[in-house]
């Protein structure tokens, strides 16, 4: 069968040159390489951006950590300062002195934290701030030491000079704080607490005034602290008895202070006979030195009698930060009360139980009087001569029988008894009104507490990490 010849228009194209055939695979490889490189570039940009965000987040977290450490250190310093302002005598390491097993105290004993850094005016109650002998800022400080089994604060409370603190032995920096006080000249009984908190122990970071921060975070906080007096209204009479006075023949009462009214005895429901001695200001008849029938005071519930003098309920007063509760359920001696008053200047003493004044001696001193509330019986042993400087408040909350005086008990300041007060025994109770001592108790004895709304965060500085 004949075949038709293809048209010249349908003839196949001539084969491509060999060189062109060889270039086509090579051109396809270059295109793939370019695409892969573009993809790698995009991946690299994404990784770089992610790494940049990671570094930023790491720095932010580190700054937040250091800022939080510094803030918590500063806040801890403010709370620590308030706690020590309401504590007793301390050594240079801010530890309490005295008590069982501590040995005899030096003479004079070390001052309390309040005495080291503050001074309270006996005239108007203004709180002053003590300075170093070179005129610099006097303050205290602590550093957190985590080198042991559990972290502890190492503190320094110098009476002069800068705090002496050693760097913690643990790996890494331990947070530290430094405290100073500033006077508030317009507000009696108020002081400002300034605290610098830092991420580690560094003089430049902790110093007042603040210096440059290198690699540390510093937070400065300030809070106002006010003295809540433990004796809001001192008595105006040498002896104040809410109810009836029994055994008056063994009582001697003196009040030479005309400014207070000159009352030596103020009783709500009278007395069983006249006192042995009753003396007011010079030239005042004995009848004018006593008020034996005050129905308004006699009608007061005992708790209200306490509030009228101390400005708070009994339980609230007993739980104040500066109140030292003394357990006398097994009876406390004169020496125990004298030691408690000596170790805790400016604090209130709440005695729960009976007191037996068995030896002669003083409780408190004229320049360091005692604010003593007794919820129990009190007795003076024969031959013992005891002198108390301050205010003695007999609560009688548990129905105590009264006082048994076999020796001689002298109170220089004032004496208050809730309910009826009965003296028994052949001894003598002598009370001499002292306005200066009572004013000192009102202005200097009490708890330092935060003034609401006074907290301020002045400064937050984060140094650049190197």
Protein backbone atom coordinates (compact mmCIF):
# COMPACT_ATOMS: atom_id res chain seq x y z
CA UNK A 1 0.00 0.00 0.00
CA UNK A 2 1.41 3.31 -0.91
CA UNK A 3 2.25 5.70 1.88
CA UNK A 4 1.81 9.36 1.70
CA UNK A 5 4.78 11.50 2.27
CA UNK A 6 4.51 14.01 5.14
CA UNK A 7 4.03 17.55 4.31
CA UNK A 8 7.04 19.73 4.75
CA UNK A 9 5.01 21.70 7.20
CA UNK A 10 4.65 18.63 9.41
CA UNK A 11 8.25 17.62 9.49
CA UNK A 12 9.76 17.29 13.05
CA UNK A 13 12.06 19.98 14.33
CA UNK A 14 15.71 19.30 14.04
CA UNK A 15 17.39 18.03 17.20
CA UNK A 16 18.80 20.65 19.59
CA UNK A 17 22.45 21.16 19.67
CA UNK A 18 24.32 19.10 22.22
CA UNK A 19 25.59 22.21 24.06
CA UNK A 20 22.01 23.42 24.68
CA UNK A 21 20.99 20.02 25.96
CA UNK A 22 23.88 20.04 28.39
CA UNK A 23 22.96 23.55 29.80
CA UNK A 24 19.37 22.82 30.77
CA UNK A 25 20.02 20.63 33.89
CA UNK A 26 22.68 23.08 35.07
CA UNK A 27 20.25 26.00 34.80
CA UNK A 28 17.63 24.11 36.79
CA UNK A 29 20.20 23.47 39.63
CA UNK A 30 21.08 27.18 39.92
CA UNK A 31 17.41 28.07 40.29
CA UNK A 32 16.99 25.49 43.05
CA UNK A 33 20.08 26.83 44.82
CA UNK A 34 18.74 30.37 44.69
CA UNK A 35 15.41 29.24 46.12
CA UNK A 36 17.10 27.26 48.88
CA UNK A 37 19.31 30.22 49.76
CA UNK A 38 16.28 32.48 49.90
CA UNK A 39 14.57 30.01 52.21
CA UNK A 40 17.66 29.80 54.41
CA UNK A 41 17.79 33.59 54.54
CA UNK A 42 14.15 33.75 55.65
CA UNK A 43 14.80 31.06 58.27
CA UNK A 44 17.87 32.96 59.47
CA UNK A 45 15.89 36.19 59.77
CA UNK A 46 13.19 34.34 61.70
CA UNK A 47 15.76 32.74 63.99
CA UNK A 48 17.51 36.07 64.55
CA UNK A 49 14.22 37.75 65.40
CA UNK A 50 13.31 34.92 67.77
CA UNK A 51 16.74 35.11 69.38
CA UNK A 52 16.37 38.86 69.73
CA UNK A 53 13.04 38.38 71.48
CA UNK A 54 14.58 35.69 73.69
CA UNK A 55 17.43 37.98 74.73
CA UNK A 56 14.98 40.78 75.39
CA UNK A 57 12.79 38.50 77.49
CA UNK A 58 15.83 37.24 79.40
CA UNK A 59 16.93 40.78 80.17
CA UNK A 60 13.40 41.76 81.14
CA UNK A 61 13.12 38.75 83.44
CA UNK A 62 16.53 39.45 84.99
CA UNK A 63 15.63 43.11 85.55
CA UNK A 64 12.29 42.11 87.05
CA UNK A 65 13.99 39.60 89.32
CA UNK A 66 16.54 42.15 90.55
CA UNK A 67 13.89 44.82 90.96
CA UNK A 68 11.70 42.45 92.99
CA UNK A 69 14.63 41.39 95.15
CA UNK A 70 15.51 45.00 95.88
CA UNK A 71 11.89 45.92 96.58
CA UNK A 72 11.35 43.00 98.93
CA UNK A 73 14.62 43.80 100.70
CA UNK A 74 13.52 47.42 101.18
CA UNK A 75 10.10 46.37 102.45
CA UNK A 76 11.73 43.87 104.80
CA UNK A 77 13.95 46.67 106.09
CA UNK A 78 10.93 48.85 106.92
CA UNK A 79 9.22 46.02 108.80
CA UNK A 80 12.46 45.11 110.55
CA UNK A 81 12.99 48.69 111.72
CA UNK A 82 9.44 48.91 113.07
CA UNK A 83 9.88 45.62 114.94
CA UNK A 84 13.13 46.74 116.56
CA UNK A 85 11.68 50.13 117.49
CA UNK A 86 9.24 48.19 119.66
CA UNK A 87 11.84 45.82 121.12
CA UNK A 88 14.19 45.99 124.08
CA UNK A 89 17.93 46.47 124.41
CA UNK A 90 20.15 45.02 121.67
CA UNK A 91 23.84 44.55 120.97
CA UNK A 92 25.74 45.86 117.94
CA UNK A 93 24.58 42.84 115.93
CA UNK A 94 20.94 43.80 116.61
CA UNK A 95 20.39 40.77 118.85
CA UNK A 96 18.46 41.07 122.15
CA UNK A 97 20.52 41.12 125.31
CA UNK A 98 19.66 39.97 128.80
CA UNK A 99 17.49 37.10 129.83
CA UNK A 100 18.32 33.62 131.03
CA UNK A 101 21.83 32.42 130.25
CA UNK A 102 23.04 35.71 128.78
CA UNK A 103 25.23 36.64 131.74
CA UNK A 104 25.50 40.02 133.45
CA UNK A 105 25.00 43.15 131.39
CA UNK A 106 27.70 45.79 131.12
CA UNK A 107 27.22 49.02 133.02
CA UNK A 108 25.75 51.03 131.44
CA UNK A 109 23.75 48.43 129.48
CA UNK A 110 23.63 48.66 125.68
CA UNK A 111 20.88 50.93 124.36
CA UNK A 112 17.77 49.75 122.63
CA UNK A 113 17.24 50.29 118.90
CA UNK A 114 14.96 53.21 119.71
CA UNK A 115 17.58 54.79 121.97
CA UNK A 116 20.36 54.29 119.41
CA UNK A 117 18.68 56.19 116.58
CA UNK A 118 15.89 58.34 118.03
CA UNK A 119 15.35 60.83 120.83
CA UNK A 120 11.94 61.89 122.11
CA UNK A 121 11.57 65.36 123.58
CA UNK A 122 10.16 65.31 127.11
CA UNK A 123 8.63 68.74 126.48
CA UNK A 124 6.54 68.25 123.34
CA UNK A 125 7.08 64.67 122.15
CA UNK A 126 8.93 65.63 118.96
CA UNK A 127 11.02 62.73 117.68
CA UNK A 128 14.61 63.65 116.88
CA UNK A 129 17.17 61.66 114.89
CA UNK A 130 20.67 60.90 116.14
CA UNK A 131 23.71 61.37 113.89
CA UNK A 132 27.21 59.96 113.78
CA UNK A 133 30.01 61.75 115.55
CA UNK A 134 31.32 62.94 112.17
CA UNK A 135 27.93 64.40 111.30
CA UNK A 136 27.01 61.68 108.83
CA UNK A 137 23.83 59.66 108.64
CA UNK A 138 23.53 57.06 111.38
CA UNK A 139 21.72 53.92 110.37
CA UNK A 140 21.55 50.15 110.53
CA UNK A 141 21.48 47.41 107.93
CA UNK A 142 21.26 43.72 107.13
CA UNK A 143 22.35 41.30 104.40
CA UNK A 144 20.83 37.92 103.57
CA UNK A 145 23.32 35.10 104.07
CA UNK A 146 22.38 31.82 102.37
CA UNK A 147 25.63 29.99 103.04
CA UNK A 148 24.15 27.84 105.81
CA UNK A 149 21.42 25.27 105.88
CA UNK A 150 18.79 28.01 105.79
CA UNK A 151 19.11 31.68 104.81
CA UNK A 152 19.52 34.14 107.70
CA UNK A 153 19.78 37.90 107.92
CA UNK A 154 23.08 39.21 109.28
CA UNK A 155 22.56 42.65 110.77
CA UNK A 156 24.55 45.53 112.23
CA UNK A 157 23.19 48.26 114.53
CA UNK A 158 26.08 50.61 115.30
CA UNK A 159 25.78 53.42 117.81
CA UNK A 160 28.27 55.36 115.68
CA UNK A 161 29.76 54.81 112.25
CA UNK A 162 28.56 52.74 109.31
CA UNK A 163 27.04 49.26 109.64
CA UNK A 164 29.74 46.58 109.71
CA UNK A 165 28.55 43.77 107.46
CA UNK A 166 30.52 41.00 105.77
CA UNK A 167 29.65 39.74 102.30
CA UNK A 168 27.68 36.47 102.44
CA UNK A 169 29.62 33.30 101.82
CA UNK A 170 27.09 31.70 99.48
CA UNK A 171 27.53 31.63 95.73
CA UNK A 172 25.66 34.60 94.30
CA UNK A 173 24.79 37.93 95.79
CA UNK A 174 22.51 38.18 98.81
CA UNK A 175 20.00 41.05 98.97
CA UNK A 176 20.74 43.78 101.52
CA UNK A 177 19.09 46.85 102.98
CA UNK A 178 20.04 49.91 104.98
CA UNK A 179 17.76 51.92 107.25
CA UNK A 180 17.95 55.53 108.34
CA UNK A 181 15.50 57.87 110.07
CA UNK A 182 14.42 61.41 109.25
CA UNK A 183 12.68 63.84 111.57
CA UNK A 184 9.21 65.19 110.81
CA UNK A 185 9.38 68.62 112.47
CA UNK A 186 5.67 69.42 112.13
CA UNK A 187 4.23 66.27 113.74
CA UNK A 188 4.99 65.23 117.34
CA UNK A 189 5.58 61.53 117.83
CA UNK A 190 6.16 60.88 114.10
CA UNK A 191 9.37 59.84 112.35
CA UNK A 192 10.12 58.84 108.75
CA UNK A 193 11.84 55.53 108.01
CA UNK A 194 13.93 55.52 104.82
CA UNK A 195 15.16 52.21 103.45
CA UNK A 196 17.48 51.43 100.55
CA UNK A 197 17.08 47.87 99.28
CA UNK A 198 19.71 46.40 96.94
CA UNK A 199 20.29 43.11 95.19
CA UNK A 200 23.63 42.68 96.94
CA UNK A 201 25.82 44.18 99.63
CA UNK A 202 27.35 47.23 97.97
CA UNK A 203 28.16 50.50 99.72
CA UNK A 204 27.46 52.65 96.67
CA UNK A 205 24.02 51.10 96.29
CA UNK A 206 23.08 51.23 99.98
CA UNK A 207 24.49 54.66 100.81
CA UNK A 208 22.48 57.75 101.71
CA UNK A 209 22.40 59.80 99.56
CA UNK A 210 22.16 57.30 96.73
CA UNK A 211 25.12 56.85 94.41
CA UNK A 212 25.54 55.25 90.98
CA UNK A 213 24.29 51.72 90.58
CA UNK A 214 26.51 49.35 88.59
CA UNK A 215 24.86 46.04 87.79
CA UNK A 216 22.51 46.25 90.80
CA UNK A 217 18.92 47.14 91.38
CA UNK A 218 18.05 49.64 94.09
CA UNK A 219 14.65 50.48 95.53
CA UNK A 220 14.14 53.21 98.07
CA UNK A 221 10.96 53.21 100.14
CA UNK A 222 9.82 55.50 102.92
CA UNK A 223 7.10 55.14 105.53
CA UNK A 224 5.96 57.33 108.40
CA UNK A 225 5.86 55.72 111.84
CA UNK A 226 3.89 57.24 114.71
CA UNK A 227 4.20 56.50 118.41
CA UNK A 228 0.91 55.14 119.75
CA UNK A 229 1.12 56.08 123.40
CA UNK A 230 0.50 53.44 126.03
CA UNK A 231 -0.72 56.13 128.44
CA UNK A 232 -3.02 58.53 126.63
CA UNK A 233 -4.44 60.28 129.71
CA UNK A 234 -2.24 60.18 132.82
CA UNK A 235 -4.10 60.30 136.13
CA UNK A 236 -4.49 63.69 137.78
CA UNK A 237 -4.27 62.28 141.32
CA UNK A 238 -1.51 60.42 143.10
CA UNK A 239 -3.93 57.57 143.92
CA UNK A 240 -6.97 56.90 141.73
CA UNK A 241 -9.43 54.21 142.91
CA UNK A 242 -12.47 53.55 140.77
CA UNK A 243 -14.45 51.96 143.61
CA UNK A 244 -13.91 52.02 147.35
CA UNK A 245 -10.58 52.31 149.17
CA UNK A 246 -10.13 49.91 152.06
CA UNK A 247 -7.32 49.87 154.60
CA UNK A 248 -6.67 53.55 154.07
CA UNK A 249 -4.84 53.80 157.38
CA UNK A 250 -1.75 52.27 155.74
CA UNK A 251 -1.71 54.72 152.80
CA UNK A 252 0.31 57.90 152.36
CA UNK A 253 -0.50 60.00 149.29
CA UNK A 254 1.24 63.20 148.16
CA UNK A 255 0.55 65.54 145.27
CA UNK A 256 2.46 68.82 145.41
CA UNK A 257 1.65 69.63 141.76
CA UNK A 258 -0.93 72.41 141.66
CA UNK A 259 -1.17 72.26 137.85
CA UNK A 260 -2.72 68.77 138.05
CA UNK A 261 -5.34 69.92 140.57
CA UNK A 262 -3.41 68.91 143.65
CA UNK A 263 -5.45 65.76 144.32
CA UNK A 264 -3.64 63.18 146.40
CA UNK A 265 -6.59 60.76 146.49
CA UNK A 266 -9.43 60.34 144.00
CA UNK A 267 -11.95 57.60 144.86
CA UNK A 268 -15.26 56.87 143.21
CA UNK A 269 -17.03 55.33 146.20
CA UNK A 270 -15.29 56.74 149.26
CA UNK A 271 -12.79 55.27 151.70
CA UNK A 272 -12.84 53.24 154.90
CA UNK A 273 -11.38 55.90 157.13
CA UNK A 274 -8.85 58.60 156.36
CA UNK A 275 -5.40 57.81 154.94
CA UNK A 276 -2.40 58.00 157.25
CA UNK A 277 -1.03 61.00 155.33
CA UNK A 278 -2.79 63.07 152.71
CA UNK A 279 -0.94 66.10 151.35
CA UNK A 280 -1.60 68.40 148.41
CA UNK A 281 0.24 71.52 147.28
CA UNK A 282 1.86 73.60 149.98
CA UNK A 283 -0.71 75.36 152.12
CA UNK A 284 -3.65 73.26 150.85
CA UNK A 285 -5.91 71.74 153.54
CA UNK A 286 -6.11 67.96 153.54
CA UNK A 287 -9.81 68.03 152.73
CA UNK A 288 -9.07 69.76 149.42
CA UNK A 289 -6.46 67.16 148.51
CA UNK A 290 -9.03 64.38 148.16
CA UNK A 291 -12.19 63.61 146.19
CA UNK A 292 -13.93 60.65 147.78
CA UNK A 293 -17.24 60.55 145.97
CA UNK A 294 -17.17 60.64 142.19
CA UNK A 295 -20.30 58.86 140.97
CA UNK A 296 -19.36 59.28 137.31
CA UNK A 297 -16.11 57.37 137.80
CA UNK A 298 -17.73 54.79 140.10
CA UNK A 299 -20.35 54.04 137.42
CA UNK A 300 -17.75 53.26 134.78
CA UNK A 301 -17.30 49.60 133.87
CA UNK A 302 -13.73 48.52 134.73
CA UNK A 303 -12.91 48.13 131.02
CA UNK A 304 -13.95 51.74 130.41
CA UNK A 305 -11.76 52.81 133.30
CA UNK A 306 -8.82 51.24 131.51
CA UNK A 307 -9.72 52.87 128.19
CA UNK A 308 -9.97 56.31 129.82
CA UNK A 309 -6.32 56.05 130.88
CA UNK A 310 -4.70 54.04 128.10
CA UNK A 311 -6.88 54.80 125.08
CA UNK A 312 -7.60 51.19 124.10
CA UNK A 313 -9.14 47.99 125.36
CA UNK A 314 -7.16 45.86 127.78
CA UNK A 315 -6.62 43.04 125.30
CA UNK A 316 -5.57 45.47 122.58
CA UNK A 317 -3.12 47.13 124.97
CA UNK A 318 -1.71 43.77 126.05
CA UNK A 319 -1.18 42.77 122.39
CA UNK A 320 0.57 45.97 121.30
CA UNK A 321 3.92 45.41 119.52
CA UNK A 322 5.77 47.22 122.31
CA UNK A 323 4.00 45.42 125.18
CA UNK A 324 6.08 42.88 127.05
CA UNK A 325 3.83 40.20 128.53
CA UNK A 326 5.24 38.75 131.74
CA UNK A 327 3.85 35.42 132.88
CA UNK A 328 3.64 35.53 136.67
CA UNK A 329 1.33 32.58 137.25
CA UNK A 330 4.05 31.19 139.50
CA UNK A 331 4.56 34.64 141.11
CA UNK A 332 7.17 37.14 139.95
CA UNK A 333 9.76 38.69 142.23
CA UNK A 334 10.92 42.27 142.50
CA UNK A 335 14.18 41.40 140.78
CA UNK A 336 12.30 39.92 137.81
CA UNK A 337 10.20 43.07 137.36
CA UNK A 338 13.21 45.32 137.81
CA UNK A 339 15.14 43.37 135.17
CA UNK A 340 12.21 43.49 132.75
CA UNK A 341 11.93 47.26 133.15
CA UNK A 342 15.70 47.72 132.76
CA UNK A 343 15.94 45.62 129.60
CA UNK A 344 12.94 47.21 127.90
CA UNK A 345 13.05 51.01 128.04
CA UNK A 346 10.06 52.64 126.40
CA UNK A 347 7.98 49.46 126.44
CA UNK A 348 4.81 48.65 128.37
CA UNK A 349 4.79 45.79 130.87
CA UNK A 350 1.72 43.59 131.28
CA UNK A 351 1.99 41.30 134.31
CA UNK A 352 -0.39 38.33 134.30
CA UNK A 353 -0.38 36.74 137.75
CA UNK A 354 0.79 37.55 141.24
CA UNK A 355 3.71 39.78 142.16
CA UNK A 356 5.74 39.21 145.32
CA UNK A 357 8.08 42.08 146.19
CA UNK A 358 10.47 40.03 148.27
CA UNK A 359 13.66 42.12 148.27
CA UNK A 360 14.51 45.77 148.62
CA UNK A 361 15.40 47.82 145.57
CA UNK A 362 14.02 49.92 142.72
CA UNK A 363 11.83 49.11 139.74
CA UNK A 364 12.51 51.57 136.95
CA UNK A 365 14.36 54.85 137.38
CA UNK A 366 13.52 58.52 137.31
CA UNK A 367 14.98 58.92 133.82
CA UNK A 368 13.64 55.51 132.70
CA UNK A 369 10.26 54.99 134.38
CA UNK A 370 8.14 51.86 134.07
CA UNK A 371 4.58 51.61 132.74
CA UNK A 372 3.31 48.59 134.64
CA UNK A 373 -0.13 46.95 134.49
CA UNK A 374 -0.73 44.15 137.00
CA UNK A 375 -3.53 41.64 136.50
CA UNK A 376 -3.24 39.75 139.77
CA UNK A 377 -2.38 40.13 143.45
CA UNK A 378 0.51 42.14 144.80
CA UNK A 379 2.28 41.69 148.11
CA UNK A 380 5.35 43.16 149.78
CA UNK A 381 7.29 40.92 152.14
CA UNK A 382 8.14 42.19 155.63
CA UNK A 383 11.41 44.11 155.70
CA UNK A 384 11.40 44.76 151.92
CA UNK A 385 11.53 48.39 150.83
CA UNK A 386 10.62 48.77 147.16
CA UNK A 387 10.43 51.96 145.10
CA UNK A 388 8.70 52.02 141.74
CA UNK A 389 9.26 54.92 139.32
CA UNK A 390 6.38 55.18 136.90
CA UNK A 391 2.71 54.26 136.80
CA UNK A 392 1.27 51.19 138.51
CA UNK A 393 -2.17 50.21 137.19
CA UNK A 394 -4.01 47.49 139.08
CA UNK A 395 -6.43 45.80 136.63
CA UNK A 396 -8.33 43.46 138.97
CA UNK A 397 -9.75 41.73 135.89
CA UNK A 398 -9.74 38.29 137.54
CA UNK A 399 -11.25 39.37 140.86
CA UNK A 400 -7.94 39.73 142.69
CA UNK A 401 -8.32 40.23 146.44
CA UNK A 402 -6.09 43.29 146.72
CA UNK A 403 -2.69 44.14 148.08
CA UNK A 404 -0.90 42.73 151.08
CA UNK A 405 1.83 45.09 152.21
CA UNK A 406 4.19 43.72 154.82
CA UNK A 407 7.08 46.04 154.02
CA UNK A 408 7.14 49.46 152.36
CA UNK A 409 6.11 50.13 148.79
CA UNK A 410 6.78 53.58 147.36
CA UNK A 411 5.41 54.67 143.97
CA UNK A 412 6.86 57.82 142.40
CA UNK A 413 4.54 58.81 139.58
CA UNK A 414 1.00 57.55 140.06
CA UNK A 415 -1.19 54.59 141.00
CA UNK A 416 -4.55 53.53 139.51
CA UNK A 417 -6.83 50.75 140.70
CA UNK A 418 -9.93 49.49 138.90
CA UNK A 419 -12.83 48.45 141.10
CA UNK A 420 -12.31 48.37 144.88
CA UNK A 421 -8.80 48.50 146.27
CA UNK A 422 -8.06 47.12 149.72
CA UNK A 423 -4.75 47.41 151.50
CA UNK A 424 -3.89 44.85 154.12
CA UNK A 425 -0.92 44.28 156.35
CA UNK A 426 1.19 46.32 158.74
CA UNK A 427 3.36 47.89 156.05
CA UNK A 428 3.07 51.20 154.28
CA UNK A 429 2.10 52.19 150.72
CA UNK A 430 3.46 55.60 149.78
CA UNK A 431 2.46 57.25 146.49
CA UNK A 432 4.02 60.55 145.40
CA UNK A 433 2.56 62.21 142.32
CA UNK A 434 5.23 63.15 139.76
CA UNK A 435 3.96 65.06 136.72
CA UNK A 436 7.31 64.89 134.89
CA UNK A 437 7.42 61.09 135.07
CA UNK A 438 3.83 60.73 133.91
CA UNK A 439 4.44 63.13 131.02
CA UNK A 440 7.52 61.13 130.03
CA UNK A 441 5.46 57.93 130.05
CA UNK A 442 2.81 59.54 127.86
CA UNK A 443 5.31 60.87 125.31
CA UNK A 444 7.84 58.05 125.12
CA UNK A 445 6.17 54.75 126.08
CA UNK A 446 4.17 53.01 123.40
CA UNK A 447 4.29 51.26 120.05
CA UNK A 448 5.59 52.67 116.79
CA UNK A 449 3.12 51.82 114.04
CA UNK A 450 2.80 52.69 110.36
CA UNK A 451 0.84 55.79 109.52
CA UNK A 452 -1.85 54.65 107.03
CA UNK A 453 -1.27 55.97 103.52
CA UNK A 454 2.29 57.12 104.21
CA UNK A 455 4.13 54.43 102.22
CA UNK A 456 6.07 55.77 99.25
CA UNK A 457 8.33 54.22 96.62
CA UNK A 458 10.73 57.06 95.83
CA UNK A 459 13.16 55.38 93.51
CA UNK A 460 13.65 52.27 91.41
CA UNK A 461 17.04 52.05 89.73
CA UNK A 462 18.28 49.08 87.71
CA UNK A 463 21.94 49.09 86.77
CA UNK A 464 23.14 47.69 83.46
CA UNK A 465 24.44 44.15 83.62
CA UNK A 466 27.96 43.76 82.30
